[in-house]
Structures are given as structure tokens and as C-alpha cells.
N, C-alpha and C. Protein backbone atom coordinates (compact mmCIF):
# COMPACT_ATOMS: atom_id res chain seq x y z
N MET A 1 -55.09 -103.90 -118.29
CA MET A 1 -54.25 -103.23 -119.14
C MET A 1 -55.23 -101.77 -119.02
N PRO A 2 -54.45 -100.54 -118.61
CA PRO A 2 -55.12 -99.28 -118.28
C PRO A 2 -55.77 -98.70 -119.72
N PRO A 3 -56.46 -97.69 -119.55
CA PRO A 3 -56.89 -97.19 -120.94
C PRO A 3 -55.95 -96.41 -121.30
N LYS A 4 -55.76 -96.16 -122.65
CA LYS A 4 -54.69 -95.37 -123.59
C LYS A 4 -55.06 -93.59 -123.17
N CYS A 5 -56.16 -93.42 -123.14
CA CYS A 5 -56.50 -92.07 -122.67
C CYS A 5 -57.05 -91.76 -121.67
N PRO A 6 -56.41 -91.34 -120.09
CA PRO A 6 -57.20 -90.87 -119.20
C PRO A 6 -58.28 -90.28 -119.09
N ALA A 7 -59.07 -90.38 -118.27
CA ALA A 7 -60.55 -90.03 -118.57
C ALA A 7 -60.30 -88.73 -117.70
N THR A 8 -61.03 -87.66 -117.99
CA THR A 8 -60.82 -86.43 -117.46
C THR A 8 -62.21 -85.75 -117.29
N SER A 9 -62.15 -84.96 -116.10
CA SER A 9 -63.35 -84.39 -115.48
C SER A 9 -63.21 -82.85 -116.30
N PRO A 10 -64.33 -82.26 -116.15
CA PRO A 10 -64.44 -80.72 -116.60
C PRO A 10 -63.44 -80.02 -115.15
N ALA A 11 -63.69 -80.24 -114.07
CA ALA A 11 -62.95 -79.83 -112.84
C ALA A 11 -61.42 -79.98 -113.47
N MET A 12 -61.00 -80.94 -113.78
CA MET A 12 -59.55 -81.03 -114.04
C MET A 12 -58.75 -80.39 -115.48
N SER A 13 -59.80 -79.91 -116.05
CA SER A 13 -59.45 -78.91 -117.41
C SER A 13 -59.82 -77.94 -117.10
N PRO A 14 -58.72 -76.62 -116.57
CA PRO A 14 -59.29 -75.46 -116.85
C PRO A 14 -59.77 -74.53 -117.96
N SER A 15 -59.52 -75.26 -119.41
CA SER A 15 -59.56 -74.44 -120.47
C SER A 15 -61.07 -74.54 -120.69
N ILE A 16 -61.75 -75.40 -119.92
CA ILE A 16 -63.37 -75.38 -120.36
C ILE A 16 -64.19 -74.51 -119.69
N VAL A 17 -65.01 -73.61 -119.97
CA VAL A 17 -65.67 -72.48 -119.40
C VAL A 17 -67.12 -72.80 -119.96
N LYS A 18 -68.35 -73.16 -119.02
CA LYS A 18 -69.44 -73.33 -119.13
C LYS A 18 -70.28 -71.89 -119.67
N LYS A 19 -70.68 -72.09 -120.77
CA LYS A 19 -71.68 -70.89 -121.38
C LYS A 19 -72.66 -70.61 -120.46
N THR A 20 -72.89 -69.18 -120.52
CA THR A 20 -74.45 -69.14 -119.81
C THR A 20 -75.34 -68.70 -121.01
N ARG A 21 -76.49 -68.78 -120.71
CA ARG A 21 -77.55 -68.66 -121.52
C ARG A 21 -77.88 -67.08 -121.42
N LYS A 22 -78.49 -66.83 -122.75
CA LYS A 22 -78.82 -65.34 -122.92
C LYS A 22 -80.04 -65.32 -122.72
N SER A 23 -80.48 -64.44 -122.46
CA SER A 23 -82.10 -64.38 -122.56
C SER A 23 -82.51 -62.81 -123.23
N LEU A 24 -83.22 -63.42 -124.15
CA LEU A 24 -83.29 -62.11 -125.59
C LEU A 24 -84.67 -61.20 -124.76
N THR A 25 -84.69 -60.27 -125.40
CA THR A 25 -85.84 -59.53 -125.48
C THR A 25 -86.86 -59.41 -126.43
N LEU A 26 -87.96 -59.29 -126.46
CA LEU A 26 -89.16 -59.07 -127.38
C LEU A 26 -88.44 -58.44 -128.37
N GLU A 27 -88.09 -56.89 -127.81
CA GLU A 27 -87.54 -56.05 -129.16
C GLU A 27 -86.40 -56.70 -129.90
N VAL A 28 -85.44 -57.42 -129.24
CA VAL A 28 -84.20 -58.09 -130.14
C VAL A 28 -84.95 -58.94 -131.06
N LYS A 29 -85.91 -59.93 -130.69
CA LYS A 29 -86.29 -60.89 -131.57
C LYS A 29 -87.07 -60.02 -132.55
N LEU A 30 -87.79 -59.23 -132.20
CA LEU A 30 -88.56 -58.39 -133.23
C LEU A 30 -87.88 -58.01 -134.28
N ASP A 31 -86.85 -57.16 -133.98
CA ASP A 31 -85.92 -56.73 -134.76
C ASP A 31 -85.28 -57.84 -135.70
N ILE A 32 -85.20 -59.10 -135.03
CA ILE A 32 -84.17 -59.94 -135.63
C ILE A 32 -85.28 -60.48 -137.00
N VAL A 33 -86.62 -60.81 -136.57
CA VAL A 33 -87.24 -61.36 -137.64
C VAL A 33 -87.80 -60.04 -139.01
N HIS A 34 -88.15 -58.77 -138.25
CA HIS A 34 -87.88 -57.73 -138.94
C HIS A 34 -86.60 -57.58 -140.31
N ARG A 35 -85.21 -57.56 -139.76
CA ARG A 35 -84.17 -57.79 -140.70
C ARG A 35 -84.27 -59.13 -141.53
N HIS A 36 -84.77 -60.14 -140.81
CA HIS A 36 -84.88 -61.22 -142.15
C HIS A 36 -86.08 -61.18 -142.99
N GLU A 37 -87.04 -60.40 -142.51
CA GLU A 37 -88.10 -60.12 -143.82
C GLU A 37 -87.64 -59.01 -144.70
N ARG A 38 -86.94 -58.31 -144.47
CA ARG A 38 -86.28 -57.30 -145.37
C ARG A 38 -85.02 -57.85 -146.37
N GLU A 39 -84.72 -58.96 -145.95
CA GLU A 39 -84.02 -60.14 -146.65
C GLU A 39 -82.60 -59.79 -146.32
N GLU A 40 -82.28 -59.61 -145.12
CA GLU A 40 -80.96 -59.16 -144.71
C GLU A 40 -80.36 -60.77 -144.59
N LYS A 41 -79.37 -60.89 -144.57
CA LYS A 41 -78.48 -62.45 -144.82
C LYS A 41 -78.32 -62.82 -143.16
N THR A 42 -78.61 -63.69 -142.76
CA THR A 42 -78.41 -64.47 -141.29
C THR A 42 -77.55 -64.15 -140.72
N ASN A 43 -76.13 -64.49 -141.69
CA ASN A 43 -74.93 -64.05 -140.84
C ASN A 43 -74.66 -62.43 -140.53
N SER A 44 -75.44 -61.76 -141.11
CA SER A 44 -75.05 -60.45 -140.89
C SER A 44 -76.16 -59.91 -139.88
N ILE A 45 -77.19 -60.71 -139.17
CA ILE A 45 -77.90 -60.63 -138.47
C ILE A 45 -77.52 -60.86 -137.09
N ALA A 46 -76.75 -62.03 -137.06
CA ALA A 46 -76.33 -62.80 -135.79
C ALA A 46 -75.00 -61.96 -135.67
N ARG A 47 -74.10 -61.58 -136.39
CA ARG A 47 -73.05 -60.59 -136.03
C ARG A 47 -73.77 -59.38 -135.43
N HIS A 48 -74.38 -58.79 -135.82
CA HIS A 48 -74.93 -57.33 -135.59
C HIS A 48 -75.43 -57.82 -133.74
N HIS A 49 -76.05 -58.96 -133.79
CA HIS A 49 -76.63 -59.17 -132.42
C HIS A 49 -75.83 -59.92 -131.39
N GLY A 50 -74.42 -59.94 -131.95
CA GLY A 50 -73.51 -61.11 -131.27
C GLY A 50 -74.18 -62.58 -130.80
N LEU A 51 -75.09 -63.06 -131.75
CA LEU A 51 -75.52 -64.04 -131.34
C LEU A 51 -75.06 -65.44 -132.64
N THR A 52 -75.40 -66.72 -132.30
CA THR A 52 -74.95 -67.69 -133.67
C THR A 52 -75.98 -67.95 -134.43
N LEU A 53 -75.80 -68.28 -135.46
CA LEU A 53 -76.62 -68.73 -136.77
C LEU A 53 -77.73 -69.62 -136.34
N SER A 54 -77.58 -70.63 -135.42
CA SER A 54 -78.78 -71.43 -134.88
C SER A 54 -79.66 -70.82 -133.97
N THR A 55 -79.48 -69.80 -133.37
CA THR A 55 -80.15 -69.02 -132.53
C THR A 55 -81.05 -68.16 -133.50
N VAL A 56 -80.55 -67.32 -134.21
CA VAL A 56 -81.15 -66.40 -135.17
C VAL A 56 -82.14 -67.53 -136.05
N SER A 57 -81.54 -68.62 -136.66
CA SER A 57 -82.36 -69.66 -137.51
C SER A 57 -83.78 -70.03 -136.64
N THR A 58 -83.61 -69.98 -135.22
CA THR A 58 -84.73 -70.69 -134.49
C THR A 58 -85.77 -69.38 -134.22
N ILE A 59 -85.22 -68.22 -134.49
CA ILE A 59 -86.08 -67.16 -134.17
C ILE A 59 -86.61 -67.06 -135.21
N PHE A 60 -86.21 -67.31 -136.31
CA PHE A 60 -87.11 -67.23 -137.33
C PHE A 60 -88.38 -68.28 -137.67
N LYS A 61 -87.85 -69.23 -137.29
CA LYS A 61 -88.50 -70.49 -137.07
C LYS A 61 -90.01 -70.05 -136.32
N SER A 62 -89.73 -69.30 -135.31
CA SER A 62 -91.07 -69.16 -134.29
C SER A 62 -91.56 -67.69 -134.41
N ALA A 63 -91.15 -66.89 -135.84
CA ALA A 63 -91.73 -65.73 -135.99
C ALA A 63 -92.80 -65.33 -135.81
N ASP A 64 -94.19 -66.16 -136.19
CA ASP A 64 -95.46 -65.77 -136.02
C ASP A 64 -95.52 -66.14 -134.50
N SER A 65 -95.11 -66.66 -133.59
CA SER A 65 -95.51 -66.46 -132.46
C SER A 65 -94.65 -65.01 -131.87
N ILE A 66 -93.91 -64.92 -132.23
CA ILE A 66 -93.06 -63.45 -131.69
C ILE A 66 -93.67 -62.36 -132.08
N LYS A 67 -93.94 -62.42 -133.37
CA LYS A 67 -95.32 -61.53 -134.16
C LYS A 67 -96.22 -61.26 -133.05
N LYS A 68 -97.03 -61.87 -132.86
CA LYS A 68 -98.31 -62.01 -131.82
C LYS A 68 -98.06 -61.53 -130.49
N ALA A 69 -96.76 -61.98 -129.81
CA ALA A 69 -96.44 -61.47 -128.52
C ALA A 69 -96.07 -60.03 -128.81
N GLY A 70 -95.61 -59.61 -129.76
CA GLY A 70 -95.27 -58.22 -129.89
C GLY A 70 -96.23 -57.11 -130.06
N GLU A 71 -97.37 -57.98 -130.95
CA GLU A 71 -98.67 -57.22 -131.16
C GLU A 71 -99.35 -57.13 -129.73
N THR A 72 -99.58 -58.05 -128.81
CA THR A 72 -100.25 -58.40 -127.60
C THR A 72 -99.27 -57.15 -126.71
N ALA A 73 -98.16 -57.04 -126.56
CA ALA A 73 -97.25 -56.05 -126.03
C ALA A 73 -97.08 -54.69 -126.25
N SER A 74 -97.57 -54.51 -127.64
CA SER A 74 -97.95 -53.02 -127.99
C SER A 74 -98.88 -52.72 -127.53
N SER A 75 -100.06 -53.41 -127.64
CA SER A 75 -101.57 -53.08 -127.30
C SER A 75 -101.87 -53.08 -125.63
N LEU A 76 -100.88 -53.54 -124.88
CA LEU A 76 -100.92 -53.39 -123.65
C LEU A 76 -100.26 -51.66 -123.36
N GLN A 77 -99.19 -51.61 -123.96
CA GLN A 77 -98.27 -50.66 -124.05
C GLN A 77 -99.41 -49.41 -124.21
N ALA A 78 -100.00 -49.50 -125.34
CA ALA A 78 -101.13 -48.34 -125.65
C ALA A 78 -102.14 -48.20 -124.72
N LYS A 79 -102.56 -49.32 -124.05
CA LYS A 79 -103.58 -49.17 -123.18
C LYS A 79 -103.22 -48.41 -121.74
N ARG A 80 -102.11 -48.75 -121.59
CA ARG A 80 -101.21 -48.04 -120.24
C ARG A 80 -100.75 -46.60 -120.56
N SER A 81 -100.39 -46.03 -121.41
CA SER A 81 -100.55 -44.88 -121.79
C SER A 81 -101.28 -43.82 -121.83
N THR A 82 -102.69 -44.40 -122.18
CA THR A 82 -103.66 -43.78 -122.22
C THR A 82 -104.59 -43.66 -121.28
């Protein structure tokens, strides 16, 4: 007896589009963290940057390491300009 629903592969279905990953800059991540610290709503932050809520929440969770990276980058920038 054949299966009720035929198996379809992604190649057979033209409506399936593979999402590409976005690479966020440190500046964008720092902006998201600062907005969160100012108690801006997560949904508002996500819409502003065109991201999903889960992406913004993940950035909140790693806020400490993002801040450290921002401090390191700013100190390197200061050394280059002098």
C-alpha cells in the first residue's frame, strides 16, 4: 500500500526558500544591548533592526561578552588614532 502523503524534497517545492544568515556588526549588537538597558521593549528593538525576537534575546544573554569586545575595540581604535 502506498503512503498517504507523497514524500517531497525541497527541490520539488518551489515555495521553500533557504534563509541566509546575517552577520551583525559589533556596533549593532552594542546598540541592541544599550537599548535593552534603557528598558526598551524587545519587540521594538527587533523591529528597528529587522531581526527576530530570538536573535535579540540571544544578544541580551551574551551582553557581557559583547560589552568586553566593545571595550577592546574602542581601546584599539583610540590607539590607532593617536
